[in-house]
PDB file of all heavy atoms in Angstrom:
ATOM      1  N   GLU A   1     182.550 121.377  18.047  1.00  0.00           N
ATOM      2  CA  GLU A   1     182.561 121.278  16.584  1.00  0.00           C
ATOM      3  C   GLU A   1     183.869 120.652  16.096  1.00  0.00           C
ATOM      4  O   GLU A   1     183.860 119.783  15.228  1.00  0.00           O
ATOM      5  CB  GLU A   1     182.372 122.667  15.979  1.00  0.00           C
ATOM      6  CG  GLU A   1     182.326 122.689  14.476  1.00  0.00           C
ATOM      7  CD  GLU A   1     182.044 124.073  13.908  1.00  0.00           C
ATOM      8  OE1 GLU A   1     181.808 125.024  14.679  1.00  0.00           O
ATOM      9  OE2 GLU A   1     182.056 124.188  12.683  1.00  0.00           O
ATOM     10  N   LYS A   2     184.995 121.080  16.681  1.00  0.00           N
ATOM     11  CA  LYS A   2     186.291 120.516  16.281  1.00  0.00           C
ATOM     12  C   LYS A   2     186.369 119.040  16.651  1.00  0.00           C
ATOM     13  O   LYS A   2     186.848 118.224  15.861  1.00  0.00           O
ATOM     14  CB  LYS A   2     187.442 121.283  16.915  1.00  0.00           C
ATOM     15  CG  LYS A   2     188.794 120.753  16.427  1.00  0.00           C
ATOM     16  CD  LYS A   2     189.939 121.567  16.930  1.00  0.00           C
ATOM     17  CE  LYS A   2     191.287 121.152  16.403  1.00  0.00           C
ATOM     18  NZ  LYS A   2     191.500 119.777  16.037  1.00  0.00           N
ATOM     19  N   ARG A   3     185.890 118.694  17.826  1.00  0.00           N
ATOM     20  CA  ARG A   3     185.924 117.294  18.260  1.00  0.00           C
ATOM     21  C   ARG A   3     185.119 116.422  17.290  1.00  0.00           C
ATOM     22  O   ARG A   3     185.580 115.356  16.860  1.00  0.00           O
ATOM     23  CB  ARG A   3     185.358 117.176  19.672  1.00  0.00           C
ATOM     24  CG  ARG A   3     185.456 115.782  20.258  1.00  0.00           C
ATOM     25  CD  ARG A   3     184.897 115.688  21.676  1.00  0.00           C
ATOM     26  NE  ARG A   3     185.518 116.665  22.576  1.00  0.00           N
ATOM     27  CZ  ARG A   3     184.868 117.683  23.150  1.00  0.00           C
ATOM     28  NH1 ARG A   3     183.586 117.864  22.940  1.00  0.00           N
ATOM     29  NH2 ARG A   3     185.498 118.503  23.961  1.00  0.00           N
ATOM     30  N   GLU A   4     183.924 116.866  16.929  1.00  0.00           N
ATOM     31  CA  GLU A   4     183.079 116.115  15.992  1.00  0.00           C
ATOM     32  C   GLU A   4     183.717 116.040  14.610  1.00  0.00           C
ATOM     33  O   GLU A   4     183.695 114.990  13.956  1.00  0.00           O
ATOM     34  CB  GLU A   4     181.698 116.751  15.905  1.00  0.00           C
ATOM     35  CG  GLU A   4     180.887 116.607  17.176  1.00  0.00           C
ATOM     36  CD  GLU A   4     179.596 117.387  17.155  1.00  0.00           C
ATOM     37  OE1 GLU A   4     179.162 117.839  16.068  1.00  0.00           O
ATOM     38  OE2 GLU A   4     179.005 117.559  18.240  1.00  0.00           O
ATOM     39  N   LEU A   5     184.276 117.131  14.157  1.00  0.00           N
ATOM     40  CA  LEU A   5     184.945 117.154  12.854  1.00  0.00           C
ATOM     41  C   LEU A   5     186.133 116.198  12.831  1.00  0.00           C
ATOM     42  O   LEU A   5     186.323 115.458  11.861  1.00  0.00           O
ATOM     43  CB  LEU A   5     185.394 118.581  12.517  1.00  0.00           C
ATOM     44  CG  LEU A   5     186.152 118.766  11.213  1.00  0.00           C
ATOM     45  CD1 LEU A   5     185.314 118.323  10.009  1.00  0.00           C
ATOM     46  CD2 LEU A   5     186.585 120.216  11.059  1.00  0.00           C
ATOM     47  N   ASP A   6     186.914 116.201  13.900  1.00  0.00           N
ATOM     48  CA  ASP A   6     188.078 115.318  13.960  1.00  0.00           C
ATOM     49  C   ASP A   6     187.659 113.852  13.936  1.00  0.00           C
ATOM     50  O   ASP A   6     188.359 113.015  13.337  1.00  0.00           O
ATOM     51  CB  ASP A   6     188.930 115.633  15.185  1.00  0.00           C
ATOM     52  CG  ASP A   6     189.672 116.957  15.048  1.00  0.00           C
ATOM     53  OD1 ASP A   6     189.759 117.492  13.922  1.00  0.00           O
ATOM     54  OD2 ASP A   6     190.172 117.465  16.073  1.00  0.00           O
ATOM     55  N   LYS A   7     186.533 113.521  14.559  1.00  0.00           N
ATOM     56  CA  LYS A   7     186.012 112.151  14.490  1.00  0.00           C
ATOM     57  C   LYS A   7     185.651 111.790  13.050  1.00  0.00           C
ATOM     58  O   LYS A   7     185.915 110.675  12.595  1.00  0.00           O
ATOM     59  CB  LYS A   7     184.783 111.990  15.381  1.00  0.00           C
ATOM     60  CG  LYS A   7     185.083 111.939  16.846  1.00  0.00           C
ATOM     61  CD  LYS A   7     183.795 111.771  17.641  1.00  0.00           C
ATOM     62  CE  LYS A   7     184.033 111.903  19.121  1.00  0.00           C
ATOM     63  NZ  LYS A   7     182.776 111.800  19.886  1.00  0.00           N
ATOM     64  N   LYS A   8     185.053 112.727  12.335  1.00  0.00           N
ATOM     65  CA  LYS A   8     184.690 112.480  10.938  1.00  0.00           C
ATOM     66  C   LYS A   8     185.937 112.313  10.077  1.00  0.00           C
ATOM     67  O   LYS A   8     185.964 111.489   9.163  1.00  0.00           O
ATOM     68  CB  LYS A   8     183.810 113.615  10.411  1.00  0.00           C
ATOM     69  CG  LYS A   8     182.434 113.635  11.038  1.00  0.00           C
ATOM     70  CD  LYS A   8     181.609 114.794  10.535  1.00  0.00           C
ATOM     71  CE  LYS A   8     180.250 114.803  11.207  1.00  0.00           C
ATOM     72  NZ  LYS A   8     179.404 115.903  10.736  1.00  0.00           N
ATOM     73  N   ILE A   9     186.962 113.098  10.361  1.00  0.00           N
ATOM     74  CA  ILE A   9     188.223 112.969   9.621  1.00  0.00           C
ATOM     75  C   ILE A   9     188.823 111.588   9.867  1.00  0.00           C
ATOM     76  O   ILE A   9     189.293 110.932   8.922  1.00  0.00           O
ATOM     77  CB  ILE A   9     189.215 114.084  10.013  1.00  0.00           C
ATOM     78  CG1 ILE A   9     188.696 115.447   9.539  1.00  0.00           C
ATOM     79  CG2 ILE A   9     190.607 113.812   9.434  1.00  0.00           C
ATOM     80  CD1 ILE A   9     189.463 116.637  10.112  1.00  0.00           C
ATOM     81  N   GLU A  10     188.803 111.142  11.116  1.00  0.00           N
ATOM     82  CA  GLU A  10     189.331 109.813  11.442  1.00  0.00           C
ATOM     83  C   GLU A  10     188.550 108.725  10.706  1.00  0.00           C
ATOM     84  O   GLU A  10     189.150 107.789  10.163  1.00  0.00           O
ATOM     85  CB  GLU A  10     189.252 109.565  12.948  1.00  0.00           C
ATOM     86  CG  GLU A  10     190.266 110.345  13.748  1.00  0.00           C
ATOM     87  CD  GLU A  10     190.117 110.103  15.250  1.00  0.00           C
ATOM     88  OE1 GLU A  10     189.663 109.006  15.644  1.00  0.00           O
ATOM     89  OE2 GLU A  10     190.463 111.009  16.019  1.00  0.00           O
ATOM     90  N   ALA A  11     187.223 108.849  10.686  1.00  0.00           N
ATOM     91  CA  ALA A  11     186.395 107.840  10.008  1.00  0.00           C
ATOM     92  C   ALA A  11     186.665 107.838   8.506  1.00  0.00           C
ATOM     93  O   ALA A  11     186.783 106.771   7.890  1.00  0.00           O
ATOM     94  CB  ALA A  11     184.920 108.096  10.295  1.00  0.00           C
ATOM     95  N   LEU A  12     186.756 109.011   7.911  1.00  0.00           N
ATOM     96  CA  LEU A  12     187.039 109.097   6.482  1.00  0.00           C
ATOM     97  C   LEU A  12     188.420 108.526   6.174  1.00  0.00           C
ATOM     98  O   LEU A  12     188.585 107.770   5.214  1.00  0.00           O
ATOM     99  CB  LEU A  12     186.936 110.547   5.999  1.00  0.00           C
ATOM    100  CG  LEU A  12     187.263 110.802   4.535  1.00  0.00           C
ATOM    101  CD1 LEU A  12     186.367 109.974   3.614  1.00  0.00           C
ATOM    102  CD2 LEU A  12     187.137 112.295   4.219  1.00  0.00           C
ATOM    103  N   SER A  13     189.394 108.846   7.002  1.00  0.00           N
ATOM    104  CA  SER A  13     190.746 108.331   6.793  1.00  0.00           C
ATOM    105  C   SER A  13     190.777 106.812   6.909  1.00  0.00           C
ATOM    106  O   SER A  13     191.455 106.141   6.113  1.00  0.00           O
ATOM    107  CB  SER A  13     191.713 108.961   7.796  1.00  0.00           C
ATOM    108  OG  SER A  13     191.848 110.346   7.540  1.00  0.00           O
ATOM    109  N   ALA A  14     190.047 106.270   7.871  1.00  0.00           N
ATOM    110  CA  ALA A  14     189.985 104.812   8.024  1.00  0.00           C
ATOM    111  C   ALA A  14     189.373 104.183   6.784  1.00  0.00           C
ATOM    112  O   ALA A  14     189.858 103.151   6.294  1.00  0.00           O
ATOM    113  CB  ALA A  14     189.181 104.450   9.270  1.00  0.00           C
ATOM    114  N   PHE A  15     188.320 104.792   6.260  1.00  0.00           N
ATOM    115  CA  PHE A  15     187.703 104.284   5.036  1.00  0.00           C
ATOM    116  C   PHE A  15     188.691 104.332   3.877  1.00  0.00           C
ATOM    117  O   PHE A  15     188.828 103.373   3.111  1.00  0.00           O
ATOM    118  CB  PHE A  15     186.448 105.085   4.696  1.00  0.00           C
ATOM    119  CG  PHE A  15     185.883 104.768   3.345  1.00  0.00           C
ATOM    120  CD1 PHE A  15     185.241 103.563   3.109  1.00  0.00           C
ATOM    121  CD2 PHE A  15     186.006 105.664   2.298  1.00  0.00           C
ATOM    122  CE1 PHE A  15     184.734 103.252   1.852  1.00  0.00           C
ATOM    123  CE2 PHE A  15     185.491 105.378   1.042  1.00  0.00           C
ATOM    124  CZ  PHE A  15     184.854 104.159   0.820  1.00  0.00           C
ATOM    125  N   MET A  16     189.409 105.433   3.771  1.00  0.00           N
ATOM    126  CA  MET A  16     190.341 105.608   2.663  1.00  0.00           C
ATOM    127  C   MET A  16     191.536 104.663   2.772  1.00  0.00           C
ATOM    128  O   MET A  16     192.156 104.327   1.764  1.00  0.00           O
ATOM    129  CB  MET A  16     190.796 107.070   2.582  1.00  0.00           C
ATOM    130  CG  MET A  16     189.661 107.996   2.156  1.00  0.00           C
ATOM    131  SD  MET A  16     190.080 109.747   2.252  1.00  0.00           S
ATOM    132  CE  MET A  16     191.213 109.874   0.877  1.00  0.00           C
ATOM    133  N   ASP A  17     191.853 104.224   3.978  1.00  0.00           N
ATOM    134  CA  ASP A  17     192.953 103.282   4.173  1.00  0.00           C
ATOM    135  C   ASP A  17     192.507 101.830   3.990  1.00  0.00           C
ATOM    136  O   ASP A  17     193.340 100.928   3.957  1.00  0.00           O
ATOM    137  CB  ASP A  17     193.557 103.448   5.573  1.00  0.00           C
ATOM    138  CG  ASP A  17     194.314 104.766   5.722  1.00  0.00           C
ATOM    139  OD1 ASP A  17     194.713 105.344   4.702  1.00  0.00           O
ATOM    140  OD2 ASP A  17     194.498 105.207   6.880  1.00  0.00           O
ATOM    141  N   GLY A  18     191.200 101.607   3.855  1.00  0.00           N
ATOM    142  CA  GLY A  18     190.673 100.255   3.740  1.00  0.00           C
ATOM    143  C   GLY A  18     190.616  99.757   2.308  1.00  0.00           C
ATOM    144  O   GLY A  18     190.785 100.507   1.343  1.00  0.00           O
ATOM    145  N   ALA A  19     190.351  98.479   2.189  1.00  0.00           N
ATOM    146  CA  ALA A  19     190.330  97.825   0.876  1.00  0.00           C
ATOM    147  C   ALA A  19     189.158  98.292   0.018  1.00  0.00           C
ATOM    148  O   ALA A  19     189.274  98.344  -1.213  1.00  0.00           O
ATOM    149  CB  ALA A  19     190.261  96.310   1.059  1.00  0.00           C
ATOM    150  N   ILE A  20     188.053  98.640   0.634  1.00  0.00           N
ATOM    151  CA  ILE A  20     186.877  99.059  -0.132  1.00  0.00           C
ATOM    152  C   ILE A  20     187.165 100.324  -0.934  1.00  0.00           C
ATOM    153  O   ILE A  20     186.657 100.506  -2.039  1.00  0.00           O
ATOM    154  CB  ILE A  20     185.659  99.262   0.785  1.00  0.00           C
ATOM    155  CG1 ILE A  20     185.257  97.918   1.410  1.00  0.00           C
ATOM    156  CG2 ILE A  20     184.489  99.876   0.040  1.00  0.00           C
ATOM    157  CD1 ILE A  20     184.157  98.014   2.438  1.00  0.00           C
ATOM    158  N   PHE A  21     188.012 101.193  -0.386  1.00  0.00           N
ATOM    159  CA  PHE A  21     188.335 102.448  -1.070  1.00  0.00           C
ATOM    160  C   PHE A  21     188.878 102.192  -2.471  1.00  0.00           C
ATOM    161  O   PHE A  21     188.600 102.942  -3.402  1.00  0.00           O
ATOM    162  CB  PHE A  21     189.319 103.269  -0.245  1.00  0.00           C
ATOM    163  CG  PHE A  21     189.610 104.625  -0.815  1.00  0.00           C
ATOM    164  CD1 PHE A  21     188.650 105.626  -0.780  1.00  0.00           C
ATOM    165  CD2 PHE A  21     190.840 104.908  -1.379  1.00  0.00           C
ATOM    166  CE1 PHE A  21     188.915 106.891  -1.304  1.00  0.00           C
ATOM    167  CE2 PHE A  21     191.117 106.160  -1.899  1.00  0.00           C
ATOM    168  CZ  PHE A  21     190.145 107.154  -1.861  1.00  0.00           C
ATOM    169  N   ASP A  22     189.637 101.122  -2.616  1.00  0.00           N
ATOM    170  CA  ASP A  22     190.216 100.798  -3.926  1.00  0.00           C
ATOM    171  C   ASP A  22     189.160 100.436  -4.963  1.00  0.00           C
ATOM    172  O   ASP A  22     189.430 100.483  -6.161  1.00  0.00           O
ATOM    173  CB  ASP A  22     191.219  99.652  -3.798  1.00  0.00           C
ATOM    174  CG  ASP A  22     192.459 100.063  -3.013  1.00  0.00           C
ATOM    175  OD1 ASP A  22     192.777 101.270  -2.999  1.00  0.00           O
ATOM    176  OD2 ASP A  22     193.100  99.181  -2.411  1.00  0.00           O
ATOM    177  N   THR A  23     187.958 100.086  -4.516  1.00  0.00           N
ATOM    178  CA  THR A  23     186.881  99.740  -5.452  1.00  0.00           C
ATOM    179  C   THR A  23     186.070 100.960  -5.872  1.00  0.00           C
ATOM    180  O   THR A  23     185.253 100.872  -6.778  1.00  0.00           O
ATOM    181  CB  THR A  23     185.927  98.694  -4.830  1.00  0.00           C
ATOM    182  OG1 THR A  23     185.216  99.284  -3.735  1.00  0.00           O
ATOM    183  CG2 THR A  23     186.687  97.468  -4.365  1.00  0.00           C
ATOM    184  N   VAL A  24     186.309 102.079  -5.223  1.00  0.00           N
ATOM    185  CA  VAL A  24     185.599 103.321  -5.541  1.00  0.00           C
ATOM    186  C   VAL A  24     186.192 103.908  -6.820  1.00  0.00           C
ATOM    187  O   VAL A  24     187.420 103.889  -7.004  1.00  0.00           O
ATOM    188  CB  VAL A  24     185.730 104.320  -4.355  1.00  0.00           C
ATOM    189  CG1 VAL A  24     185.147 105.676  -4.698  1.00  0.00           C
ATOM    190  CG2 VAL A  24     185.080 103.747  -3.104  1.00  0.00           C
ATOM    191  N   PRO A  25     185.354 104.424  -7.721  1.00  0.00           N
ATOM    192  CA  PRO A  25     185.882 105.028  -8.951  1.00  0.00           C
ATOM    193  C   PRO A  25     186.925 106.115  -8.655  1.00  0.00           C
ATOM    194  O   PRO A  25     186.827 106.832  -7.657  1.00  0.00           O
ATOM    195  CB  PRO A  25     184.646 105.635  -9.619  1.00  0.00           C
ATOM    196  CG  PRO A  25     183.503 104.843  -9.071  1.00  0.00           C
ATOM    197  CD  PRO A  25     183.891 104.478  -7.671  1.00  0.00           C
TER     198      PRO A  25
END
């Protein structure tokens, strides 16, 4: 469960660090 959660955190963080995040309200 922790391993899967950490993967999701990494994916979310990558999204938040990307340019598309700036277009989100």
